[in-house]
Amino acid sequence: MFTMTDASDHPLDFAERAMRQGREVAIASLIACPPAVALRVGQQMAVDEDDAIAGSLGNERIEAAIVARARAVIESGAPEIIDLDGSGAPGSPEDATMRVYIERVG
């Protein structure tokens, strides 16, 4: 499973430190979501090769899916856009499809 860093750790600060330490990192950016979802477009989450994360894009189920895809992006180097079912998150409408762009950085 993944490990959350300090909640105050900004995803880009985390990514910069991880890269300086020689770890591969992917950034996941929310690029679309329904207005009723309690997230904002542009919100980010960083994932390193050891599955440590900073930032949040939803509940544990959503974050686990992002970590799994981020791992593949880190390995391949090819960015991906994924659609995730955000329903079930607090305040989410029944149809709460979120679109996330994931890219390796560094």
PDB file of N, CA and C in Angstrom:
ATOM      1  N   MET A   1       0.836  -1.178   0.000  1.00  0.00           N
ATOM      2  CA  MET A   1       0.000   0.000   0.000  1.00  0.00           C
ATOM      3  C   MET A   1       0.883   1.243   0.000  1.00  0.00           C
ATOM      4  N   PHE A   2       0.287   2.389  -0.160  1.00  0.00           N
ATOM      5  CA  PHE A   2       1.054   3.621  -0.251  1.00  0.00           C
ATOM      6  C   PHE A   2       1.201   4.297   1.106  1.00  0.00           C
ATOM      7  N   THR A   3       2.172   5.203   1.195  1.00  0.00           N
ATOM      8  CA  THR A   3       2.465   5.916   2.426  1.00  0.00           C
ATOM      9  C   THR A   3       2.256   7.401   2.207  1.00  0.00           C
ATOM     10  N   MET A   4       1.422   8.012   3.021  1.00  0.00           N
ATOM     11  CA  MET A   4       1.167   9.448   2.939  1.00  0.00           C
ATOM     12  C   MET A   4       2.275  10.188   3.676  1.00  0.00           C
ATOM     13  N   THR A   5       2.804  11.238   3.047  1.00  0.00           N
ATOM     14  CA  THR A   5       3.797  12.066   3.730  1.00  0.00           C
ATOM     15  C   THR A   5       3.063  13.036   4.648  1.00  0.00           C
ATOM     16  N   ASP A   6       3.791  13.914   5.278  1.00  0.00           N
ATOM     17  CA  ASP A   6       3.213  14.949   6.125  1.00  0.00           C
ATOM     18  C   ASP A   6       2.107  15.678   5.358  1.00  0.00           C
ATOM     19  N   ALA A   7       0.956  15.842   5.968  1.00  0.00           N
ATOM     20  CA  ALA A   7      -0.198  16.454   5.300  1.00  0.00           C
ATOM     21  C   ALA A   7       0.084  17.862   4.801  1.00  0.00           C
ATOM     22  N   SER A   8       1.054  18.563   5.398  1.00  0.00           N
ATOM     23  CA  SER A   8       1.367  19.922   4.957  1.00  0.00           C
ATOM     24  C   SER A   8       2.357  19.936   3.790  1.00  0.00           C
ATOM     25  N   ASP A   9       2.828  18.774   3.384  1.00  0.00           N
ATOM     26  CA  ASP A   9       3.815  18.664   2.311  1.00  0.00           C
ATOM     27  C   ASP A   9       3.148  18.909   0.955  1.00  0.00           C
ATOM     28  N   HIS A  10       3.547  19.960   0.275  1.00  0.00           N
ATOM     29  CA  HIS A  10       2.995  20.259  -1.051  1.00  0.00           C
ATOM     30  C   HIS A  10       3.522  19.225  -2.045  1.00  0.00           C
ATOM     31  N   PRO A  11       2.680  18.743  -2.954  1.00  0.00           N
ATOM     32  CA  PRO A  11       3.115  17.704  -3.899  1.00  0.00           C
ATOM     33  C   PRO A  11       4.368  18.075  -4.701  1.00  0.00           C
ATOM     34  N   LEU A  12       4.483  19.325  -5.123  1.00  0.00           N
ATOM     35  CA  LEU A  12       5.653  19.698  -5.926  1.00  0.00           C
ATOM     36  C   LEU A  12       6.920  19.791  -5.079  1.00  0.00           C
ATOM     37  N   ASP A  13       6.789  20.213  -3.815  1.00  0.00           N
ATOM     38  CA  ASP A  13       7.946  20.221  -2.912  1.00  0.00           C
ATOM     39  C   ASP A  13       8.412  18.793  -2.651  1.00  0.00           C
ATOM     40  N   PHE A  14       7.446  17.898  -2.406  1.00  0.00           N
ATOM     41  CA  PHE A  14       7.753  16.482  -2.205  1.00  0.00           C
ATOM     42  C   PHE A  14       8.464  15.918  -3.433  1.00  0.00           C
ATOM     43  N   ALA A  15       7.946  16.220  -4.629  1.00  0.00           N
ATOM     44  CA  ALA A  15       8.537  15.707  -5.872  1.00  0.00           C
ATOM     45  C   ALA A  15       9.970  16.201  -6.038  1.00  0.00           C
ATOM     46  N   GLU A  16      10.197  17.472  -5.750  1.00  0.00           N
ATOM     47  CA  GLU A  16      11.550  18.027  -5.880  1.00  0.00           C
ATOM     48  C   GLU A  16      12.528  17.327  -4.933  1.00  0.00           C
ATOM     49  N   ARG A  17      12.123  17.129  -3.681  1.00  0.00           N
ATOM     50  CA  ARG A  17      13.002  16.435  -2.718  1.00  0.00           C
ATOM     51  C   ARG A  17      13.272  15.004  -3.154  1.00  0.00           C
ATOM     52  N   ALA A  18      12.221  14.310  -3.585  1.00  0.00           N
ATOM     53  CA  ALA A  18      12.379  12.914  -4.004  1.00  0.00           C
ATOM     54  C   ALA A  18      13.336  12.809  -5.184  1.00  0.00           C
ATOM     55  N   MET A  19      13.205  13.707  -6.150  1.00  0.00           N
ATOM     56  CA  MET A  19      14.097  13.664  -7.316  1.00  0.00           C
ATOM     57  C   MET A  19      15.539  13.970  -6.916  1.00  0.00           C
ATOM     58  N   ARG A  20      15.723  14.911  -5.982  1.00  0.00           N
ATOM     59  CA  ARG A  20      17.087  15.205  -5.510  1.00  0.00           C
ATOM     60  C   ARG A  20      17.703  13.992  -4.826  1.00  0.00           C
ATOM     61  N   GLN A  21      16.858  13.137  -4.249  1.00  0.00           N
ATOM     62  CA  GLN A  21      17.325  11.919  -3.586  1.00  0.00           C
ATOM     63  C   GLN A  21      17.424  10.747  -4.557  1.00  0.00           C
ATOM     64  N   GLY A  22      17.184  11.021  -5.837  1.00  0.00           N
ATOM     65  CA  GLY A  22      17.351   9.997  -6.863  1.00  0.00           C
ATOM     66  C   GLY A  22      16.145   9.114  -7.106  1.00  0.00           C
ATOM     67  N   ARG A  23      14.996   9.479  -6.551  1.00  0.00           N
ATOM     68  CA  ARG A  23      13.790   8.673  -6.758  1.00  0.00           C
ATOM     69  C   ARG A  23      12.989   9.208  -7.944  1.00  0.00           C
ATOM     70  N   GLU A  24      12.354   8.303  -8.675  1.00  0.00           N
ATOM     71  CA  GLU A  24      11.468   8.674  -9.774  1.00  0.00           C
ATOM     72  C   GLU A  24      10.132   9.120  -9.197  1.00  0.00           C
ATOM     73  N   VAL A  25       9.497  10.090  -9.861  1.00  0.00           N
ATOM     74  CA  VAL A  25       8.254  10.660  -9.352  1.00  0.00           C
ATOM     75  C   VAL A  25       7.269  10.898 -10.493  1.00  0.00           C
ATOM     76  N   ALA A  26       5.999  10.718 -10.192  1.00  0.00           N
ATOM     77  CA  ALA A  26       4.922  11.095 -11.113  1.00  0.00           C
ATOM     78  C   ALA A  26       4.024  12.105 -10.405  1.00  0.00           C
ATOM     79  N   ILE A  27       3.491  13.035 -11.197  1.00  0.00           N
ATOM     80  CA  ILE A  27       2.527  14.002 -10.688  1.00  0.00           C
ATOM     81  C   ILE A  27       1.179  13.691 -11.328  1.00  0.00           C
ATOM     82  N   ALA A  28       0.156  13.592 -10.494  1.00  0.00           N
ATOM     83  CA  ALA A  28      -1.220  13.401 -10.957  1.00  0.00           C
ATOM     84  C   ALA A  28      -1.955  14.722 -10.762  1.00  0.00           C
ATOM     85  N   SER A  29      -2.551  15.235 -11.840  1.00  0.00           N
ATOM     86  CA  SER A  29      -3.264  16.510 -11.787  1.00  0.00           C
ATOM     87  C   SER A  29      -4.717  16.305 -12.170  1.00  0.00           C
ATOM     88  N   LEU A  30      -5.624  16.831 -11.370  1.00  0.00           N
ATOM     89  CA  LEU A  30      -7.041  16.753 -11.682  1.00  0.00           C
ATOM     90  C   LEU A  30      -7.337  17.721 -12.819  1.00  0.00           C
ATOM     91  N   ILE A  31      -7.843  17.211 -13.937  1.00  0.00           N
ATOM     92  CA  ILE A  31      -8.111  18.077 -15.088  1.00  0.00           C
ATOM     93  C   ILE A  31      -9.598  18.258 -15.365  1.00  0.00           C
ATOM     94  N   ALA A  32     -10.464  17.443 -14.745  1.00  0.00           N
ATOM     95  CA  ALA A  32     -11.915  17.628 -14.887  1.00  0.00           C
ATOM     96  C   ALA A  32     -12.630  16.871 -13.775  1.00  0.00           C
ATOM     97  N   CYS A  33     -13.692  17.497 -13.259  1.00  0.00           N
ATOM     98  CA  CYS A  33     -14.552  16.835 -12.277  1.00  0.00           C
ATOM     99  C   CYS A  33     -15.857  17.603 -12.190  1.00  0.00           C
ATOM    100  N   PRO A  34     -16.919  16.940 -11.750  1.00  0.00           N
ATOM    101  CA  PRO A  34     -18.199  17.637 -11.596  1.00  0.00           C
ATOM    102  C   PRO A  34     -18.087  18.739 -10.545  1.00  0.00           C
ATOM    103  N   PRO A  35     -18.849  19.819 -10.710  1.00  0.00           N
ATOM    104  CA  PRO A  35     -18.782  20.932  -9.742  1.00  0.00           C
ATOM    105  C   PRO A  35     -19.117  20.518  -8.312  1.00  0.00           C
ATOM    106  N   ALA A  36     -19.934  19.499  -8.135  1.00  0.00           N
ATOM    107  CA  ALA A  36     -20.349  19.099  -6.784  1.00  0.00           C
ATOM    108  C   ALA A  36     -19.256  18.371  -6.008  1.00  0.00           C
ATOM    109  N   VAL A  37     -18.210  17.902  -6.692  1.00  0.00           N
ATOM    110  CA  VAL A  37     -17.123  17.196  -6.010  1.00  0.00           C
ATOM    111  C   VAL A  37     -16.284  18.215  -5.246  1.00  0.00           C
ATOM    112  N   ALA A  38     -15.882  17.863  -4.035  1.00  0.00           N
ATOM    113  CA  ALA A  38     -15.150  18.785  -3.165  1.00  0.00           C
ATOM    114  C   ALA A  38     -13.668  18.873  -3.518  1.00  0.00           C
ATOM    115  N   LEU A  39     -13.346  18.857  -4.803  1.00  0.00           N
ATOM    116  CA  LEU A  39     -11.975  19.027  -5.280  1.00  0.00           C
ATOM    117  C   LEU A  39     -11.988  20.141  -6.314  1.00  0.00           C
ATOM    118  N   ARG A  40     -10.829  20.651  -6.652  1.00  0.00           N
ATOM    119  CA  ARG A  40     -10.772  21.690  -7.680  1.00  0.00           C
ATOM    120  C   ARG A  40      -9.835  21.260  -8.800  1.00  0.00           C
ATOM    121  N   VAL A  41     -10.204  21.624 -10.008  1.00  0.00           N
ATOM    122  CA  VAL A  41      -9.345  21.343 -11.155  1.00  0.00           C
ATOM    123  C   VAL A  41      -7.991  21.989 -10.890  1.00  0.00           C
ATOM    124  N   GLY A  42      -6.930  21.239 -11.172  1.00  0.00           N
ATOM    125  CA  GLY A  42      -5.575  21.720 -10.918  1.00  0.00           C
ATOM    126  C   GLY A  42      -4.972  21.140  -9.643  1.00  0.00           C
ATOM    127  N   GLN A  43      -5.810  20.573  -8.794  1.00  0.00           N
ATOM    128  CA  GLN A  43      -5.298  19.948  -7.571  1.00  0.00           C
ATOM    129  C   GLN A  43      -4.369  18.800  -7.958  1.00  0.00           C
ATOM    130  N   GLN A  44      -3.300  18.592  -7.177  1.00  0.00           N
ATOM    131  CA  GLN A  44      -2.284  17.608  -7.550  1.00  0.00           C
ATOM    132  C   GLN A  44      -1.959  16.641  -6.423  1.00  0.00           C
ATOM    133  N   MET A  45      -1.392  15.531  -6.853  1.00  0.00           N
ATOM    134  CA  MET A  45      -0.883  14.509  -5.939  1.00  0.00           C
ATOM    135  C   MET A  45       0.430  14.013  -6.541  1.00  0.00           C
ATOM    136  N   ALA A  46       1.456  13.854  -5.721  1.00  0.00           N
ATOM    137  CA  ALA A  46       2.739  13.318  -6.182  1.00  0.00           C
ATOM    138  C   ALA A  46       2.895  11.901  -5.659  1.00  0.00           C
ATOM    139  N   VAL A  47       3.487  11.041  -6.492  1.00  0.00           N
ATOM    140  CA  VAL A  47       3.721   9.644  -6.131  1.00  0.00           C
ATOM    141  C   VAL A  47       5.163   9.310  -6.496  1.00  0.00           C
ATOM    142  N   ASP A  48       5.933   8.763  -5.546  1.00  0.00           N
ATOM    143  CA  ASP A  48       7.294   8.362  -5.904  1.00  0.00           C
ATOM    144  C   ASP A  48       7.360   6.862  -6.172  1.00  0.00           C
ATOM    145  N   GLU A  49       8.512   6.395  -6.586  1.00  0.00           N
ATOM    146  CA  GLU A  49       8.681   4.984  -6.959  1.00  0.00           C
ATOM    147  C   GLU A  49       8.466   4.024  -5.797  1.00  0.00           C
ATOM    148  N   ASP A  50       8.514   4.539  -4.562  1.00  0.00           N
ATOM    149  CA  ASP A  50       8.291   3.715  -3.383  1.00  0.00           C
ATOM    150  C   ASP A  50       6.843   3.798  -2.894  1.00  0.00           C
ATOM    151  N   ASP A  51       5.969   4.407  -3.713  1.00  0.00           N
ATOM    152  CA  ASP A  51       4.551   4.583  -3.414  1.00  0.00           C
ATOM    153  C   ASP A  51       4.284   5.544  -2.262  1.00  0.00           C
ATOM    154  N   ALA A  52       5.239   6.408  -1.945  1.00  0.00           N
ATOM    155  CA  ALA A  52       4.970   7.489  -0.995  1.00  0.00           C
ATOM    156  C   ALA A  52       4.223   8.564  -1.768  1.00  0.00           C
ATOM    157  N   ILE A  53       3.241   9.200  -1.121  1.00  0.00           N
ATOM    158  CA  ILE A  53       2.457  10.227  -1.797  1.00  0.00           C
ATOM    159  C   ILE A  53       2.425  11.513  -0.995  1.00  0.00           C
ATOM    160  N   ALA A  54       2.178  12.606  -1.699  1.00  0.00           N
ATOM    161  CA  ALA A  54       1.917  13.906  -1.083  1.00  0.00           C
ATOM    162  C   ALA A  54       0.751  14.515  -1.840  1.00  0.00           C
ATOM    163  N   GLY A  55      -0.150  15.137  -1.118  1.00  0.00           N
ATOM    164  CA  GLY A  55      -1.346  15.691  -1.738  1.00  0.00           C
ATOM    165  C   GLY A  55      -2.435  14.635  -1.786  1.00  0.00           C
ATOM    166  N   SER A  56      -3.626  15.065  -2.216  1.00  0.00           N
ATOM    167  CA  SER A  56      -4.750  14.148  -2.244  1.00  0.00           C
ATOM    168  C   SER A  56      -5.695  14.497  -3.380  1.00  0.00           C
ATOM    169  N   LEU A  57      -6.249  13.477  -3.991  1.00  0.00           N
ATOM    170  CA  LEU A  57      -7.259  13.680  -5.031  1.00  0.00           C
ATOM    171  C   LEU A  57      -8.524  12.884  -4.720  1.00  0.00           C
ATOM    172  N   GLY A  58      -8.751  12.558  -3.477  1.00  0.00           N
ATOM    173  CA  GLY A  58      -9.983  11.850  -3.154  1.00  0.00           C
ATOM    174  C   GLY A  58      -9.816  10.892  -2.001  1.00  0.00           C
ATOM    175  N   ASN A  59     -10.690   9.909  -1.987  1.00  0.00           N
ATOM    176  CA  ASN A  59     -10.651   8.931  -0.913  1.00  0.00           C
ATOM    177  C   ASN A  59      -9.570   7.872  -1.178  1.00  0.00           C
ATOM    178  N   GLU A  60      -9.442   6.946  -0.263  1.00  0.00           N
ATOM    179  CA  GLU A  60      -8.374   5.937  -0.362  1.00  0.00           C
ATOM    180  C   GLU A  60      -8.491   5.084  -1.622  1.00  0.00           C
ATOM    181  N   ARG A  61      -9.708   4.762  -2.033  1.00  0.00           N
ATOM    182  CA  ARG A  61      -9.923   3.957  -3.244  1.00  0.00           C
ATOM    183  C   ARG A  61      -9.409   4.704  -4.486  1.00  0.00           C
ATOM    184  N   ILE A  62      -9.721   5.985  -4.570  1.00  0.00           N
ATOM    185  CA  ILE A  62      -9.260   6.786  -5.706  1.00  0.00           C
ATOM    186  C   ILE A  62      -7.742   6.924  -5.677  1.00  0.00           C
ATOM    187  N   GLU A  63      -7.195   7.207  -4.513  1.00  0.00           N
ATOM    188  CA  GLU A  63      -5.745   7.371  -4.408  1.00  0.00           C
ATOM    189  C   GLU A  63      -5.013   6.077  -4.735  1.00  0.00           C
ATOM    190  N   ALA A  64      -5.555   4.933  -4.331  1.00  0.00           N
ATOM    191  CA  ALA A  64      -4.918   3.648  -4.655  1.00  0.00           C
ATOM    192  C   ALA A  64      -4.885   3.447  -6.174  1.00  0.00           C
ATOM    193  N   ALA A  65      -5.958   3.813  -6.862  1.00  0.00           N
ATOM    194  CA  ALA A  65      -5.990   3.691  -8.328  1.00  0.00           C
ATOM    195  C   ALA A  65      -4.968   4.626  -8.973  1.00  0.00           C
ATOM    196  N   ILE A  66      -4.833   5.831  -8.439  1.00  0.00           N
ATOM    197  CA  ILE A  66      -3.852   6.777  -8.982  1.00  0.00           C
ATOM    198  C   ILE A  66      -2.437   6.271  -8.747  1.00  0.00           C
ATOM    199  N   VAL A  67      -2.162   5.750  -7.557  1.00  0.00           N
ATOM    200  CA  VAL A  67      -0.831   5.211  -7.264  1.00  0.00           C
ATOM    201  C   VAL A  67      -0.493   4.082  -8.235  1.00  0.00           C
ATOM    202  N   ALA A  68      -1.437   3.193  -8.487  1.00  0.00           N
ATOM    203  CA  ALA A  68      -1.188   2.073  -9.410  1.00  0.00           C
ATOM    204  C   ALA A  68      -0.863   2.580 -10.817  1.00  0.00           C
ATOM    205  N   ARG A  69      -1.621   3.553 -11.309  1.00  0.00           N
ATOM    206  CA  ARG A  69      -1.360   4.087 -12.656  1.00  0.00           C
ATOM    207  C   ARG A  69      -0.067   4.906 -12.654  1.00  0.00           C
ATOM    208  N   ALA A  70       0.220   5.623 -11.577  1.00  0.00           N
ATOM    209  CA  ALA A  70       1.455   6.414 -11.496  1.00  0.00           C
ATOM    210  C   ALA A  70       2.673   5.504 -11.561  1.00  0.00           C
ATOM    211  N   ARG A  71       2.572   4.346 -10.929  1.00  0.00           N
ATOM    212  CA  ARG A  71       3.661   3.368 -10.984  1.00  0.00           C
ATOM    213  C   ARG A  71       3.946   2.988 -12.440  1.00  0.00           C
ATOM    214  N   ALA A  72       2.890   2.742 -13.209  1.00  0.00           N
ATOM    215  CA  ALA A  72       3.053   2.378 -14.629  1.00  0.00           C
ATOM    216  C   ALA A  72       3.642   3.537 -15.420  1.00  0.00           C
ATOM    217  N   VAL A  73       3.220   4.749 -15.116  1.00  0.00           N
ATOM    218  CA  VAL A  73       3.751   5.932 -15.809  1.00  0.00           C
ATOM    219  C   VAL A  73       5.229   6.119 -15.479  1.00  0.00           C
ATOM    220  N   ILE A  74       5.602   5.917 -14.223  1.00  0.00           N
ATOM    221  CA  ILE A  74       7.016   6.030 -13.837  1.00  0.00           C
ATOM    222  C   ILE A  74       7.838   5.019 -14.623  1.00  0.00           C
ATOM    223  N   GLU A  75       7.348   3.794 -14.740  1.00  0.00           N
ATOM    224  CA  GLU A  75       8.089   2.747 -15.444  1.00  0.00           C
ATOM    225  C   GLU A  75       8.185   3.004 -16.947  1.00  0.00           C
ATOM    226  N   SER A  76       7.090   3.436 -17.554  1.00  0.00           N
ATOM    227  CA  SER A  76       7.070   3.589 -19.009  1.00  0.00           C
ATOM    228  C   SER A  76       7.543   4.963 -19.474  1.00  0.00           C
ATOM    229  N   GLY A  77       7.345   5.965 -18.651  1.00  0.00           N
ATOM    230  CA  GLY A  77       7.661   7.329 -19.055  1.00  0.00           C
ATOM    231  C   GLY A  77       6.578   7.975 -19.892  1.00  0.00           C
ATOM    232  N   ALA A  78       5.546   7.209 -20.248  1.00  0.00           N
ATOM    233  CA  ALA A  78       4.469   7.733 -21.092  1.00  0.00           C
ATOM    234  C   ALA A  78       3.344   8.289 -20.211  1.00  0.00           C
ATOM    235  N   PRO A  79       2.981   9.563 -20.411  1.00  0.00           N
ATOM    236  CA  PRO A  79       1.889  10.130 -19.616  1.00  0.00           C
ATOM    237  C   PRO A  79       0.563   9.468 -19.953  1.00  0.00           C
ATOM    238  N   GLU A  80      -0.381   9.558 -19.021  1.00  0.00           N
ATOM    239  CA  GLU A  80      -1.704   8.964 -19.214  1.00  0.00           C
ATOM    240  C   GLU A  80      -2.784   9.912 -18.706  1.00  0.00           C
ATOM    241  N   ILE A  81      -3.942   9.816 -19.315  1.00  0.00           N
ATOM    242  CA  ILE A  81      -5.144  10.446 -18.781  1.00  0.00           C
ATOM    243  C   ILE A  81      -6.070   9.311 -18.391  1.00  0.00           C
ATOM    244  N   ILE A  82      -6.522   9.337 -17.135  1.00  0.00           N
ATOM    245  CA  ILE A  82      -7.410   8.279 -16.659  1.00  0.00           C
ATOM    246  C   ILE A  82      -8.714   8.891 -16.151  1.00  0.00           C
ATOM    247  N   ASP A  83      -9.782   8.131 -16.266  1.00  0.00           N
ATOM    248  CA  ASP A  83     -11.074   8.520 -15.717  1.00  0.00           C
ATOM    249  C   ASP A  83     -11.336   7.655 -14.499  1.00  0.00           C
ATOM    250  N   LEU A  84     -11.733   8.296 -13.412  1.00  0.00           N
ATOM    251  CA  LEU A  84     -11.988   7.586 -12.164  1.00  0.00           C
ATOM    252  C   LEU A  84     -13.400   7.874 -11.685  1.00  0.00           C
ATOM    253  N   ASP A  85     -14.011   6.888 -11.085  1.00  0.00           N
ATOM    254  CA  ASP A  85     -15.343   7.042 -10.514  1.00  0.00           C
ATOM    255  C   ASP A  85     -15.199   7.641  -9.128  1.00  0.00           C
ATOM    256  N   GLY A  86     -15.549   8.908  -8.999  1.00  0.00           N
ATOM    257  CA  GLY A  86     -15.439   9.595  -7.721  1.00  0.00           C
ATOM    258  C   GLY A  86     -16.685   9.496  -6.872  1.00  0.00           C
ATOM    259  N   SER A  87     -17.698   8.758  -7.338  1.00  0.00           N
ATOM    260  CA  SER A  87     -18.916   8.630  -6.532  1.00  0.00           C
ATOM    261  C   SER A  87     -18.574   7.878  -5.242  1.00  0.00           C
ATOM    262  N   GLY A  88     -19.280   8.197  -4.220  1.00  0.00           N
ATOM    263  CA  GLY A  88     -19.005   7.587  -2.923  1.00  0.00           C
ATOM    264  C   GLY A  88     -18.122   8.465  -2.063  1.00  0.00           C
ATOM    265  N   ALA A  89     -17.447   9.428  -2.668  1.00  0.00           N
ATOM    266  CA  ALA A  89     -16.669  10.381  -1.884  1.00  0.00           C
ATOM    267  C   ALA A  89     -17.653  11.356  -1.234  1.00  0.00           C
ATOM    268  N   PRO A  90     -17.332  11.909  -0.059  1.00  0.00           N
ATOM    269  CA  PRO A  90     -18.253  12.823   0.609  1.00  0.00           C
ATOM    270  C   PRO A  90     -18.667  13.973  -0.308  1.00  0.00           C
ATOM    271  N   GLY A  91     -19.962  14.204  -0.420  1.00  0.00           N
ATOM    272  CA  GLY A  91     -20.468  15.308  -1.220  1.00  0.00           C
ATOM    273  C   GLY A  91     -20.506  15.050  -2.706  1.00  0.00           C
ATOM    274  N   SER A  92     -20.145  13.864  -3.136  1.00  0.00           N
ATOM    275  CA  SER A  92     -20.098  13.558  -4.566  1.00  0.00           C
ATOM    276  C   SER A  92     -21.468  13.174  -5.094  1.00  0.00           C
ATOM    277  N   PRO A  93     -21.787  13.622  -6.306  1.00  0.00           N
ATOM    278  CA  PRO A  93     -23.019  13.152  -6.932  1.00  0.00           C
ATOM    279  C   PRO A  93     -22.849  11.699  -7.361  1.00  0.00           C
ATOM    280  N   GLU A  94     -23.934  11.067  -7.729  1.00  0.00           N
ATOM    281  CA  GLU A  94     -23.880   9.661  -8.117  1.00  0.00           C
ATOM    282  C   GLU A  94     -22.938   9.445  -9.307  1.00  0.00           C
ATOM    283  N   ASP A  95     -23.006  10.350 -10.295  1.00  0.00           N
ATOM    284  CA  ASP A  95     -22.106  10.261 -11.444  1.00  0.00           C
ATOM    285  C   ASP A  95     -21.017  11.307 -11.254  1.00  0.00           C
ATOM    286  N   ALA A  96     -19.917  10.918 -10.660  1.00  0.00           N
ATOM    287  CA  ALA A  96     -18.840  11.852 -10.317  1.00  0.00           C
ATOM    288  C   ALA A  96     -17.548  11.440 -10.994  1.00  0.00           C
ATOM    289  N   THR A  97     -17.572  11.337 -12.311  1.00  0.00           N
ATOM    290  CA  THR A  97     -16.364  10.942 -13.029  1.00  0.00           C
ATOM    291  C   THR A  97     -15.325  12.055 -12.960  1.00  0.00           C
ATOM    292  N   MET A  98     -14.131  11.667 -12.548  1.00  0.00           N
ATOM    293  CA  MET A  98     -13.007  12.596 -12.460  1.00  0.00           C
ATOM    294  C   MET A  98     -11.991  12.204 -13.528  1.00  0.00           C
ATOM    295  N   ARG A  99     -11.376  13.186 -14.148  1.00  0.00           N
ATOM    296  CA  ARG A  99     -10.340  12.928 -15.149  1.00  0.00           C
ATOM    297  C   ARG A  99      -9.018  13.433 -14.566  1.00  0.00           C
ATOM    298  N   VAL A 100      -8.011  12.547 -14.615  1.00  0.00           N
ATOM    299  CA  VAL A 100      -6.705  12.840 -14.010  1.00  0.00           C
ATOM    300  C   VAL A 100      -5.599  12.618 -15.044  1.00  0.00           C
ATOM    301  N   TYR A 101      -4.696  13.598 -15.155  1.00  0.00           N
ATOM    302  CA  TYR A 101      -3.525  13.504 -16.029  1.00  0.00           C
ATOM    303  C   TYR A 101      -2.339  13.125 -15.149  1.00  0.00           C
ATOM    304  N   ILE A 102      -1.615  12.079 -15.547  1.00  0.00           N
ATOM    305  CA  ILE A 102      -0.452  11.608 -14.769  1.00  0.00           C
ATOM    306  C   ILE A 102       0.775  11.645 -15.669  1.00  0.00           C
ATOM    307  N   GLU A 103       1.844  12.267 -15.166  1.00  0.00           N
ATOM    308  CA  GLU A 103       3.091  12.332 -15.928  1.00  0.00           C
ATOM    309  C   GLU A 103       4.282  12.130 -15.017  1.00  0.00           C
ATOM    310  N   ARG A 104       5.324  11.508 -15.571  1.00  0.00           N
ATOM    311  CA  ARG A 104       6.574  11.378 -14.835  1.00  0.00           C
ATOM    312  C   ARG A 104       7.296  12.706 -14.920  1.00  0.00           C
ATOM    313  N   VAL A 105       7.914  13.118 -13.845  1.00  0.00           N
ATOM    314  CA  VAL A 105       8.672  14.372 -13.833  1.00  0.00           C
ATOM    315  C   VAL A 105      10.121  14.085 -13.510  1.00  0.00           C
ATOM    316  N   GLY A 106      10.968  15.022 -13.901  1.00  0.00           N
ATOM    317  CA  GLY A 106      12.391  14.875 -13.586  1.00  0.00           C
ATOM    318  C   GLY A 106      13.208  14.313 -14.683  1.00  0.00           C
TER     319      GLY A 106
END
